[in-house]
Structures are given as structure tokens and as C-alpha cells.
Amino acid sequence: MNEEVPTSDEHIKEYTKEIKKISYEVEDVEDSSGMGILDTIAVRGIQSEDIQDAKTLEVGLKVETEDGEQAVTVEFDVIKVHGRWYALYGLSY
């Protein structure tokens, strides 16, 4: 049993790519005052009267690795409560 076991760094490099650059762009913003987002918020215990604003963001992400560029668009809901913005769980790709 003289087999070499890869170190943590070697193991990471085997399954991942080093990120050289990350960029993003907000591609779309929609007002989200519909019942769907209010229902989601109510389940989480946030009172609808505390919500100052709600939006759905569509964000394009680009990641550059040694193998080139990869891109994905992510959509998620955000709410404004007491002057601060919060992202709701559940990203959609």
C-alpha cells in the first residue's frame, strides 16, 4: 500500500477550475407586487405591511477560467424591508 493519496489542493484542482474573473450584469428588473411573492413572504413570517418594495431580478453571470468563459442567467426575488434589500431563497437558473 504505497499508493500516494492526493492532497486537498490536488483534489480540488481535479474537480474544479480556478476562477480568473467574475462579472455580472443586471439584465432585467420587474416589480413583484403580485400575490405569489406575498404568499412566499407570509410563509416566512414577514408582515406584508413591512415590505416597502419587491422586485424580481434577472442577473447574467460570467465566469472566466483557464478553460474559457462560462455564463448563466439567474433569476431571484428581492424585497425591501425597513430600508434594506433582502434576497428571497430559491434561485432559478
PDB file of N, CA and C in Angstrom:
ATOM      1  N   MET A   1       0.835  -1.183   0.000  1.00  0.00           N
ATOM      2  CA  MET A   1       0.000   0.000   0.000  1.00  0.00           C
ATOM      3  C   MET A   1       0.875   1.240   0.000  1.00  0.00           C
ATOM      4  N   ASN A   2       1.555   1.446  -1.074  1.00  0.00           N
ATOM      5  CA  ASN A   2       2.412   2.607  -1.192  1.00  0.00           C
ATOM      6  C   ASN A   2       1.788   3.653  -2.109  1.00  0.00           C
ATOM      7  N   GLU A   3       0.503   3.545  -2.304  1.00  0.00           N
ATOM      8  CA  GLU A   3      -0.201   4.462  -3.192  1.00  0.00           C
ATOM      9  C   GLU A   3      -0.259   5.858  -2.571  1.00  0.00           C
ATOM     10  N   GLU A   4       0.062   6.870  -3.401  1.00  0.00           N
ATOM     11  CA  GLU A   4       0.014   8.240  -2.910  1.00  0.00           C
ATOM     12  C   GLU A   4      -1.421   8.747  -2.899  1.00  0.00           C
ATOM     13  N   VAL A   5      -1.765   9.378  -1.825  1.00  0.00           N
ATOM     14  CA  VAL A   5      -3.095   9.965  -1.692  1.00  0.00           C
ATOM     15  C   VAL A   5      -2.976  11.439  -2.063  1.00  0.00           C
ATOM     16  N   PRO A   6      -3.861  11.934  -2.972  1.00  0.00           N
ATOM     17  CA  PRO A   6      -3.751  13.339  -3.343  1.00  0.00           C
ATOM     18  C   PRO A   6      -4.035  14.255  -2.150  1.00  0.00           C
ATOM     19  N   THR A   7      -3.304  15.375  -2.125  1.00  0.00           N
ATOM     20  CA  THR A   7      -3.559  16.349  -1.063  1.00  0.00           C
ATOM     21  C   THR A   7      -4.860  17.078  -1.360  1.00  0.00           C
ATOM     22  N   SER A   8      -5.305  17.848  -0.405  1.00  0.00           N
ATOM     23  CA  SER A   8      -6.554  18.586  -0.547  1.00  0.00           C
ATOM     24  C   SER A   8      -6.515  19.501  -1.770  1.00  0.00           C
ATOM     25  N   ASP A   9      -5.402  20.231  -1.952  1.00  0.00           N
ATOM     26  CA  ASP A   9      -5.271  21.139  -3.099  1.00  0.00           C
ATOM     27  C   ASP A   9      -5.325  20.384  -4.420  1.00  0.00           C
ATOM     28  N   GLU A  10      -4.671  19.235  -4.490  1.00  0.00           N
ATOM     29  CA  GLU A  10      -4.692  18.441  -5.718  1.00  0.00           C
ATOM     30  C   GLU A  10      -6.097  17.933  -5.998  1.00  0.00           C
ATOM     31  N   HIS A  11      -6.793  17.531  -4.950  1.00  0.00           N
ATOM     32  CA  HIS A  11      -8.158  17.032  -5.086  1.00  0.00           C
ATOM     33  C   HIS A  11      -9.088  18.143  -5.600  1.00  0.00           C
ATOM     34  N   ILE A  12      -8.936  19.332  -5.055  1.00  0.00           N
ATOM     35  CA  ILE A  12      -9.748  20.465  -5.500  1.00  0.00           C
ATOM     36  C   ILE A  12      -9.477  20.766  -6.969  1.00  0.00           C
ATOM     37  N   LYS A  13      -8.218  20.801  -7.359  1.00  0.00           N
ATOM     38  CA  LYS A  13      -7.863  21.117  -8.743  1.00  0.00           C
ATOM     39  C   LYS A  13      -8.387  20.081  -9.723  1.00  0.00           C
ATOM     40  N   GLU A  14      -8.522  18.835  -9.280  1.00  0.00           N
ATOM     41  CA  GLU A  14      -9.015  17.768 -10.145  1.00  0.00           C
ATOM     42  C   GLU A  14     -10.474  17.991 -10.532  1.00  0.00           C
ATOM     43  N   TYR A  15     -11.275  18.552  -9.632  1.00  0.00           N
ATOM     44  CA  TYR A  15     -12.712  18.691  -9.850  1.00  0.00           C
ATOM     45  C   TYR A  15     -13.184  20.119 -10.081  1.00  0.00           C
ATOM     46  N   THR A  16     -12.302  21.080 -10.019  1.00  0.00           N
ATOM     47  CA  THR A  16     -12.707  22.474 -10.176  1.00  0.00           C
ATOM     48  C   THR A  16     -11.749  23.205 -11.110  1.00  0.00           C
ATOM     49  N   LYS A  17     -12.132  24.403 -11.466  1.00  0.00           N
ATOM     50  CA  LYS A  17     -11.278  25.274 -12.271  1.00  0.00           C
ATOM     51  C   LYS A  17     -11.062  26.563 -11.494  1.00  0.00           C
ATOM     52  N   GLU A  18      -9.870  27.087 -11.549  1.00  0.00           N
ATOM     53  CA  GLU A  18      -9.587  28.349 -10.881  1.00  0.00           C
ATOM     54  C   GLU A  18     -10.296  29.484 -11.613  1.00  0.00           C
ATOM     55  N   ILE A  19     -10.956  30.330 -10.878  1.00  0.00           N
ATOM     56  CA  ILE A  19     -11.673  31.460 -11.471  1.00  0.00           C
ATOM     57  C   ILE A  19     -10.693  32.603 -11.673  1.00  0.00           C
ATOM     58  N   LYS A  20     -10.626  33.078 -12.902  1.00  0.00           N
ATOM     59  CA  LYS A  20      -9.745  34.191 -13.237  1.00  0.00           C
ATOM     60  C   LYS A  20     -10.483  35.522 -13.129  1.00  0.00           C
ATOM     61  N   LYS A  21     -11.782  35.514 -13.451  1.00  0.00           N
ATOM     62  CA  LYS A  21     -12.549  36.755 -13.461  1.00  0.00           C
ATOM     63  C   LYS A  21     -14.036  36.430 -13.337  1.00  0.00           C
ATOM     64  N   ILE A  22     -14.768  37.235 -12.572  1.00  0.00           N
ATOM     65  CA  ILE A  22     -16.216  37.111 -12.462  1.00  0.00           C
ATOM     66  C   ILE A  22     -16.818  38.459 -12.838  1.00  0.00           C
ATOM     67  N   SER A  23     -17.840  38.423 -13.670  1.00  0.00           N
ATOM     68  CA  SER A  23     -18.554  39.658 -13.988  1.00  0.00           C
ATOM     69  C   SER A  23     -20.046  39.384 -13.964  1.00  0.00           C
ATOM     70  N   TYR A  24     -20.824  40.425 -13.736  1.00  0.00           N
ATOM     71  CA  TYR A  24     -22.275  40.265 -13.717  1.00  0.00           C
ATOM     72  C   TYR A  24     -22.939  41.494 -14.316  1.00  0.00           C
ATOM     73  N   GLU A  25     -24.151  41.296 -14.751  1.00  0.00           N
ATOM     74  CA  GLU A  25     -24.947  42.380 -15.297  1.00  0.00           C
ATOM     75  C   GLU A  25     -26.403  42.117 -14.951  1.00  0.00           C
ATOM     76  N   VAL A  26     -27.062  43.123 -14.381  1.00  0.00           N
ATOM     77  CA  VAL A  26     -28.491  43.004 -14.127  1.00  0.00           C
ATOM     78  C   VAL A  26     -29.178  43.190 -15.477  1.00  0.00           C
ATOM     79  N   GLU A  27     -29.787  42.116 -15.979  1.00  0.00           N
ATOM     80  CA  GLU A  27     -30.371  42.131 -17.311  1.00  0.00           C
ATOM     81  C   GLU A  27     -31.820  42.603 -17.317  1.00  0.00           C
ATOM     82  N   ASP A  28     -32.535  42.388 -16.195  1.00  0.00           N
ATOM     83  CA  ASP A  28     -33.943  42.763 -16.152  1.00  0.00           C
ATOM     84  C   ASP A  28     -34.373  42.940 -14.702  1.00  0.00           C
ATOM     85  N   VAL A  29     -35.241  43.914 -14.484  1.00  0.00           N
ATOM     86  CA  VAL A  29     -35.827  44.156 -13.164  1.00  0.00           C
ATOM     87  C   VAL A  29     -37.322  44.333 -13.372  1.00  0.00           C
ATOM     88  N   GLU A  30     -38.111  43.529 -12.657  1.00  0.00           N
ATOM     89  CA  GLU A  30     -39.569  43.626 -12.742  1.00  0.00           C
ATOM     90  C   GLU A  30     -40.128  43.861 -11.356  1.00  0.00           C
ATOM     91  N   ASP A  31     -41.144  44.718 -11.264  1.00  0.00           N
ATOM     92  CA  ASP A  31     -41.856  44.879  -9.998  1.00  0.00           C
ATOM     93  C   ASP A  31     -42.568  43.588  -9.677  1.00  0.00           C
ATOM     94  N   SER A  32     -42.549  43.209  -8.409  1.00  0.00           N
ATOM     95  CA  SER A  32     -43.152  41.948  -7.982  1.00  0.00           C
ATOM     96  C   SER A  32     -44.142  42.198  -6.854  1.00  0.00           C
ATOM     97  N   SER A  33     -45.216  42.845  -7.168  1.00  0.00           N
ATOM     98  CA  SER A  33     -46.207  43.107  -6.123  1.00  0.00           C
ATOM     99  C   SER A  33     -47.329  42.078  -6.155  1.00  0.00           C
ATOM    100  N   GLY A  34     -47.144  41.018  -6.929  1.00  0.00           N
ATOM    101  CA  GLY A  34     -48.180  40.004  -7.085  1.00  0.00           C
ATOM    102  C   GLY A  34     -48.370  39.151  -5.849  1.00  0.00           C
ATOM    103  N   MET A  35     -49.435  38.381  -5.840  1.00  0.00           N
ATOM    104  CA  MET A  35     -49.771  37.547  -4.686  1.00  0.00           C
ATOM    105  C   MET A  35     -48.745  36.434  -4.457  1.00  0.00           C
ATOM    106  N   GLY A  36     -48.103  35.941  -5.492  1.00  0.00           N
ATOM    107  CA  GLY A  36     -47.141  34.853  -5.327  1.00  0.00           C
ATOM    108  C   GLY A  36     -46.018  35.213  -4.382  1.00  0.00           C
ATOM    109  N   ILE A  37     -45.429  36.375  -4.586  1.00  0.00           N
ATOM    110  CA  ILE A  37     -44.326  36.782  -3.712  1.00  0.00           C
ATOM    111  C   ILE A  37     -44.835  37.104  -2.311  1.00  0.00           C
ATOM    112  N   LEU A  38     -46.029  37.667  -2.218  1.00  0.00           N
ATOM    113  CA  LEU A  38     -46.595  37.968  -0.898  1.00  0.00           C
ATOM    114  C   LEU A  38     -46.896  36.686  -0.135  1.00  0.00           C
ATOM    115  N   ASP A  39     -47.365  35.654  -0.824  1.00  0.00           N
ATOM    116  CA  ASP A  39     -47.601  34.358  -0.180  1.00  0.00           C
ATOM    117  C   ASP A  39     -46.300  33.770   0.349  1.00  0.00           C
ATOM    118  N   THR A  40     -45.240  33.851  -0.471  1.00  0.00           N
ATOM    119  CA  THR A  40     -43.929  33.339  -0.072  1.00  0.00           C
ATOM    120  C   THR A  40     -43.432  34.069   1.164  1.00  0.00           C
ATOM    121  N   ILE A  41     -43.606  35.373   1.167  1.00  0.00           N
ATOM    122  CA  ILE A  41     -43.142  36.184   2.282  1.00  0.00           C
ATOM    123  C   ILE A  41     -43.935  35.858   3.550  1.00  0.00           C
ATOM    124  N   ALA A  42     -45.240  35.685   3.418  1.00  0.00           N
ATOM    125  CA  ALA A  42     -46.085  35.385   4.573  1.00  0.00           C
ATOM    126  C   ALA A  42     -45.663  34.078   5.235  1.00  0.00           C
ATOM    127  N   VAL A  43     -45.282  33.095   4.430  1.00  0.00           N
ATOM    128  CA  VAL A  43     -44.831  31.807   4.966  1.00  0.00           C
ATOM    129  C   VAL A  43     -43.575  32.000   5.816  1.00  0.00           C
ATOM    130  N   ARG A  44     -42.750  32.948   5.467  1.00  0.00           N
ATOM    131  CA  ARG A  44     -41.502  33.189   6.191  1.00  0.00           C
ATOM    132  C   ARG A  44     -41.690  34.113   7.391  1.00  0.00           C
ATOM    133  N   GLY A  45     -42.906  34.555   7.641  1.00  0.00           N
ATOM    134  CA  GLY A  45     -43.180  35.341   8.832  1.00  0.00           C
ATOM    135  C   GLY A  45     -42.947  36.826   8.698  1.00  0.00           C
ATOM    136  N   ILE A  46     -42.755  37.326   7.487  1.00  0.00           N
ATOM    137  CA  ILE A  46     -42.569  38.756   7.278  1.00  0.00           C
ATOM    138  C   ILE A  46     -43.944  39.365   7.001  1.00  0.00           C
ATOM    139  N   GLN A  47     -44.269  40.416   7.689  1.00  0.00           N
ATOM    140  CA  GLN A  47     -45.565  41.061   7.509  1.00  0.00           C
ATOM    141  C   GLN A  47     -45.563  41.877   6.214  1.00  0.00           C
ATOM    142  N   SER A  48     -46.605  41.727   5.414  1.00  0.00           N
ATOM    143  CA  SER A  48     -46.655  42.419   4.122  1.00  0.00           C
ATOM    144  C   SER A  48     -46.638  43.938   4.287  1.00  0.00           C
ATOM    145  N   GLU A  49     -47.145  44.450   5.405  1.00  0.00           N
ATOM    146  CA  GLU A  49     -47.132  45.907   5.602  1.00  0.00           C
ATOM    147  C   GLU A  49     -45.718  46.440   5.855  1.00  0.00           C
ATOM    148  N   ASP A  50     -44.761  45.553   6.205  1.00  0.00           N
ATOM    149  CA  ASP A  50     -43.375  45.965   6.407  1.00  0.00           C
ATOM    150  C   ASP A  50     -42.592  46.052   5.095  1.00  0.00           C
ATOM    151  N   ILE A  51     -43.151  45.526   4.025  1.00  0.00           N
ATOM    152  CA  ILE A  51     -42.446  45.478   2.741  1.00  0.00           C
ATOM    153  C   ILE A  51     -42.646  46.798   2.004  1.00  0.00           C
ATOM    154  N   GLN A  52     -41.542  47.468   1.724  1.00  0.00           N
ATOM    155  CA  GLN A  52     -41.580  48.747   1.029  1.00  0.00           C
ATOM    156  C   GLN A  52     -41.544  48.576  -0.485  1.00  0.00           C
ATOM    157  N   ASP A  53     -40.909  47.500  -0.950  1.00  0.00           N
ATOM    158  CA  ASP A  53     -40.788  47.255  -2.387  1.00  0.00           C
ATOM    159  C   ASP A  53     -40.447  45.789  -2.601  1.00  0.00           C
ATOM    160  N   ALA A  54     -40.772  45.278  -3.770  1.00  0.00           N
ATOM    161  CA  ALA A  54     -40.431  43.890  -4.127  1.00  0.00           C
ATOM    162  C   ALA A  54     -40.152  43.840  -5.614  1.00  0.00           C
ATOM    163  N   LYS A  55     -39.093  43.137  -5.991  1.00  0.00           N
ATOM    164  CA  LYS A  55     -38.702  43.055  -7.398  1.00  0.00           C
ATOM    165  C   LYS A  55     -38.192  41.651  -7.710  1.00  0.00           C
ATOM    166  N   THR A  56     -38.259  41.298  -8.984  1.00  0.00           N
ATOM    167  CA  THR A  56     -37.616  40.095  -9.490  1.00  0.00           C
ATOM    168  C   THR A  56     -36.428  40.554 -10.325  1.00  0.00           C
ATOM    169  N   LEU A  57     -35.246  40.063  -9.985  1.00  0.00           N
ATOM    170  CA  LEU A  57     -34.030  40.424 -10.720  1.00  0.00           C
ATOM    171  C   LEU A  57     -33.598  39.268 -11.610  1.00  0.00           C
ATOM    172  N   GLU A  58     -33.161  39.601 -12.795  1.00  0.00           N
ATOM    173  CA  GLU A  58     -32.541  38.634 -13.695  1.00  0.00           C
ATOM    174  C   GLU A  58     -31.109  39.102 -13.891  1.00  0.00           C
ATOM    175  N   VAL A  59     -30.165  38.279 -13.439  1.00  0.00           N
ATOM    176  CA  VAL A  59     -28.762  38.666 -13.447  1.00  0.00           C
ATOM    177  C   VAL A  59     -27.969  37.676 -14.287  1.00  0.00           C
ATOM    178  N   GLY A  60     -27.186  38.190 -15.217  1.00  0.00           N
ATOM    179  CA  GLY A  60     -26.297  37.372 -16.022  1.00  0.00           C
ATOM    180  C   GLY A  60     -24.927  37.311 -15.366  1.00  0.00           C
ATOM    181  N   LEU A  61     -24.442  36.104 -15.108  1.00  0.00           N
ATOM    182  CA  LEU A  61     -23.128  35.902 -14.507  1.00  0.00           C
ATOM    183  C   LEU A  61     -22.186  35.295 -15.541  1.00  0.00           C
ATOM    184  N   LYS A  62     -20.964  35.809 -15.596  1.00  0.00           N
ATOM    185  CA  LYS A  62     -19.935  35.245 -16.474  1.00  0.00           C
ATOM    186  C   LYS A  62     -18.719  34.942 -15.622  1.00  0.00           C
ATOM    187  N   VAL A  63     -18.199  33.731 -15.785  1.00  0.00           N
ATOM    188  CA  VAL A  63     -17.021  33.306 -15.041  1.00  0.00           C
ATOM    189  C   VAL A  63     -15.962  32.879 -16.057  1.00  0.00           C
ATOM    190  N   GLU A  64     -14.765  33.424 -15.902  1.00  0.00           N
ATOM    191  CA  GLU A  64     -13.659  33.077 -16.787  1.00  0.00           C
ATOM    192  C   GLU A  64     -12.689  32.173 -16.035  1.00  0.00           C
ATOM    193  N   THR A  65     -12.434  30.989 -16.615  1.00  0.00           N
ATOM    194  CA  THR A  65     -11.472  30.047 -16.047  1.00  0.00           C
ATOM    195  C   THR A  65     -10.381  29.805 -17.076  1.00  0.00           C
ATOM    196  N   GLU A  66      -9.441  28.941 -16.729  1.00  0.00           N
ATOM    197  CA  GLU A  66      -8.376  28.638 -17.693  1.00  0.00           C
ATOM    198  C   GLU A  66      -8.914  27.922 -18.938  1.00  0.00           C
ATOM    199  N   ASP A  67     -10.127  27.353 -18.839  1.00  0.00           N
ATOM    200  CA  ASP A  67     -10.737  26.666 -19.976  1.00  0.00           C
ATOM    201  C   ASP A  67     -11.652  27.568 -20.800  1.00  0.00           C
ATOM    202  N   GLY A  68     -11.757  28.823 -20.430  1.00  0.00           N
ATOM    203  CA  GLY A  68     -12.616  29.738 -21.162  1.00  0.00           C
ATOM    204  C   GLY A  68     -13.697  30.332 -20.279  1.00  0.00           C
ATOM    205  N   GLU A  69     -14.718  30.864 -20.932  1.00  0.00           N
ATOM    206  CA  GLU A  69     -15.775  31.568 -20.218  1.00  0.00           C
ATOM    207  C   GLU A  69     -17.041  30.736 -20.141  1.00  0.00           C
ATOM    208  N   GLN A  70     -17.699  30.787 -19.001  1.00  0.00           N
ATOM    209  CA  GLN A  70     -18.991  30.137 -18.819  1.00  0.00           C
ATOM    210  C   GLN A  70     -19.969  31.205 -18.354  1.00  0.00           C
ATOM    211  N   ALA A  71     -21.218  31.089 -18.813  1.00  0.00           N
ATOM    212  CA  ALA A  71     -22.222  32.084 -18.446  1.00  0.00           C
ATOM    213  C   ALA A  71     -23.507  31.397 -18.000  1.00  0.00           C
ATOM    214  N   VAL A  72     -24.218  32.047 -17.095  1.00  0.00           N
ATOM    215  CA  VAL A  72     -25.503  31.562 -16.620  1.00  0.00           C
ATOM    216  C   VAL A  72     -26.343  32.781 -16.258  1.00  0.00           C
ATOM    217  N   THR A  73     -27.645  32.652 -16.428  1.00  0.00           N
ATOM    218  CA  THR A  73     -28.563  33.701 -16.007  1.00  0.00           C
ATOM    219  C   THR A  73     -29.321  33.200 -14.787  1.00  0.00           C
ATOM    220  N   VAL A  74     -29.368  34.031 -13.755  1.00  0.00           N
ATOM    221  CA  VAL A  74     -30.016  33.673 -12.503  1.00  0.00           C
ATOM    222  C   VAL A  74     -31.157  34.661 -12.262  1.00  0.00           C
ATOM    223  N   GLU A  75     -32.305  34.119 -11.843  1.00  0.00           N
ATOM    224  CA  GLU A  75     -33.454  34.964 -11.530  1.00  0.00           C
ATOM    225  C   GLU A  75     -33.831  34.741 -10.070  1.00  0.00           C
ATOM    226  N   PHE A  76     -34.054  35.841  -9.342  1.00  0.00           N
ATOM    227  CA  PHE A  76     -34.461  35.711  -7.943  1.00  0.00           C
ATOM    228  C   PHE A  76     -35.245  36.938  -7.514  1.00  0.00           C
ATOM    229  N   ASP A  77     -35.997  36.761  -6.432  1.00  0.00           N
ATOM    230  CA  ASP A  77     -36.831  37.827  -5.897  1.00  0.00           C
ATOM    231  C   ASP A  77     -36.109  38.525  -4.758  1.00  0.00           C
ATOM    232  N   VAL A  78     -36.291  39.846  -4.698  1.00  0.00           N
ATOM    233  CA  VAL A  78     -35.744  40.640  -3.603  1.00  0.00           C
ATOM    234  C   VAL A  78     -36.866  41.487  -3.018  1.00  0.00           C
ATOM    235  N   ILE A  79     -36.749  41.754  -1.720  1.00  0.00           N
ATOM    236  CA  ILE A  79     -37.726  42.623  -1.062  1.00  0.00           C
ATOM    237  C   ILE A  79     -36.978  43.693  -0.271  1.00  0.00           C
ATOM    238  N   LYS A  80     -37.629  44.824  -0.113  1.00  0.00           N
ATOM    239  CA  LYS A  80     -37.073  45.912   0.683  1.00  0.00           C
ATOM    240  C   LYS A  80     -37.903  46.026   1.958  1.00  0.00           C
ATOM    241  N   VAL A  81     -37.247  45.866   3.099  1.00  0.00           N
ATOM    242  CA  VAL A  81     -37.898  45.940   4.403  1.00  0.00           C
ATOM    243  C   VAL A  81     -37.076  46.882   5.280  1.00  0.00           C
ATOM    244  N   HIS A  82     -37.726  47.890   5.818  1.00  0.00           N
ATOM    245  CA  HIS A  82     -37.070  48.864   6.697  1.00  0.00           C
ATOM    246  C   HIS A  82     -35.823  49.463   6.035  1.00  0.00           C
ATOM    247  N   GLY A  83     -35.933  49.780   4.731  1.00  0.00           N
ATOM    248  CA  GLY A  83     -34.852  50.452   4.013  1.00  0.00           C
ATOM    249  C   GLY A  83     -33.716  49.572   3.534  1.00  0.00           C
ATOM    250  N   ARG A  84     -33.795  48.246   3.741  1.00  0.00           N
ATOM    251  CA  ARG A  84     -32.718  47.337   3.307  1.00  0.00           C
ATOM    252  C   ARG A  84     -33.278  46.289   2.362  1.00  0.00           C
ATOM    253  N   TRP A  85     -32.478  45.905   1.372  1.00  0.00           N
ATOM    254  CA  TRP A  85     -32.885  44.893   0.396  1.00  0.00           C
ATOM    255  C   TRP A  85     -32.444  43.514   0.859  1.00  0.00           C
ATOM    256  N   TYR A  86     -33.333  42.522   0.659  1.00  0.00           N
ATOM    257  CA  TYR A  86     -33.053  41.129   1.022  1.00  0.00           C
ATOM    258  C   TYR A  86     -33.433  40.224  -0.139  1.00  0.00           C
ATOM    259  N   ALA A  87     -32.578  39.260  -0.429  1.00  0.00           N
ATOM    260  CA  ALA A  87     -32.899  38.263  -1.457  1.00  0.00           C
ATOM    261  C   ALA A  87     -33.679  37.136  -0.806  1.00  0.00           C
ATOM    262  N   LEU A  88     -34.745  36.718  -1.481  1.00  0.00           N
ATOM    263  CA  LEU A  88     -35.506  35.566  -1.010  1.00  0.00           C
ATOM    264  C   LEU A  88     -34.815  34.300  -1.491  1.00  0.00           C
ATOM    265  N   TYR A  89     -34.999  33.218  -0.782  1.00  0.00           N
ATOM    266  CA  TYR A  89     -34.361  31.949  -1.139  1.00  0.00           C
ATOM    267  C   TYR A  89     -34.896  31.451  -2.467  1.00  0.00           C
ATOM    268  N   GLY A  90     -34.161  30.535  -3.066  1.00  0.00           N
ATOM    269  CA  GLY A  90     -34.631  29.844  -4.258  1.00  0.00           C
ATOM    270  C   GLY A  90     -34.233  30.527  -5.551  1.00  0.00           C
ATOM    271  N   LEU A  91     -33.003  30.353  -5.964  1.00  0.00           N
ATOM    272  CA  LEU A  91     -32.567  30.893  -7.240  1.00  0.00           C
ATOM    273  C   LEU A  91     -33.071  30.025  -8.369  1.00  0.00           C
ATOM    274  N   SER A  92     -33.435  30.636  -9.471  1.00  0.00           N
ATOM    275  CA  SER A  92     -33.866  29.903 -10.662  1.00  0.00           C
ATOM    276  C   SER A  92     -32.822  30.111 -11.747  1.00  0.00           C
ATOM    277  N   TYR A  93     -32.405  29.003 -12.361  1.00  0.00           N
ATOM    278  CA  TYR A  93     -31.396  29.097 -13.427  1.00  0.00           C
ATOM    279  C   TYR A  93     -32.061  28.981 -14.772  1.00  0.00           C
TER     280      TYR A  93
END
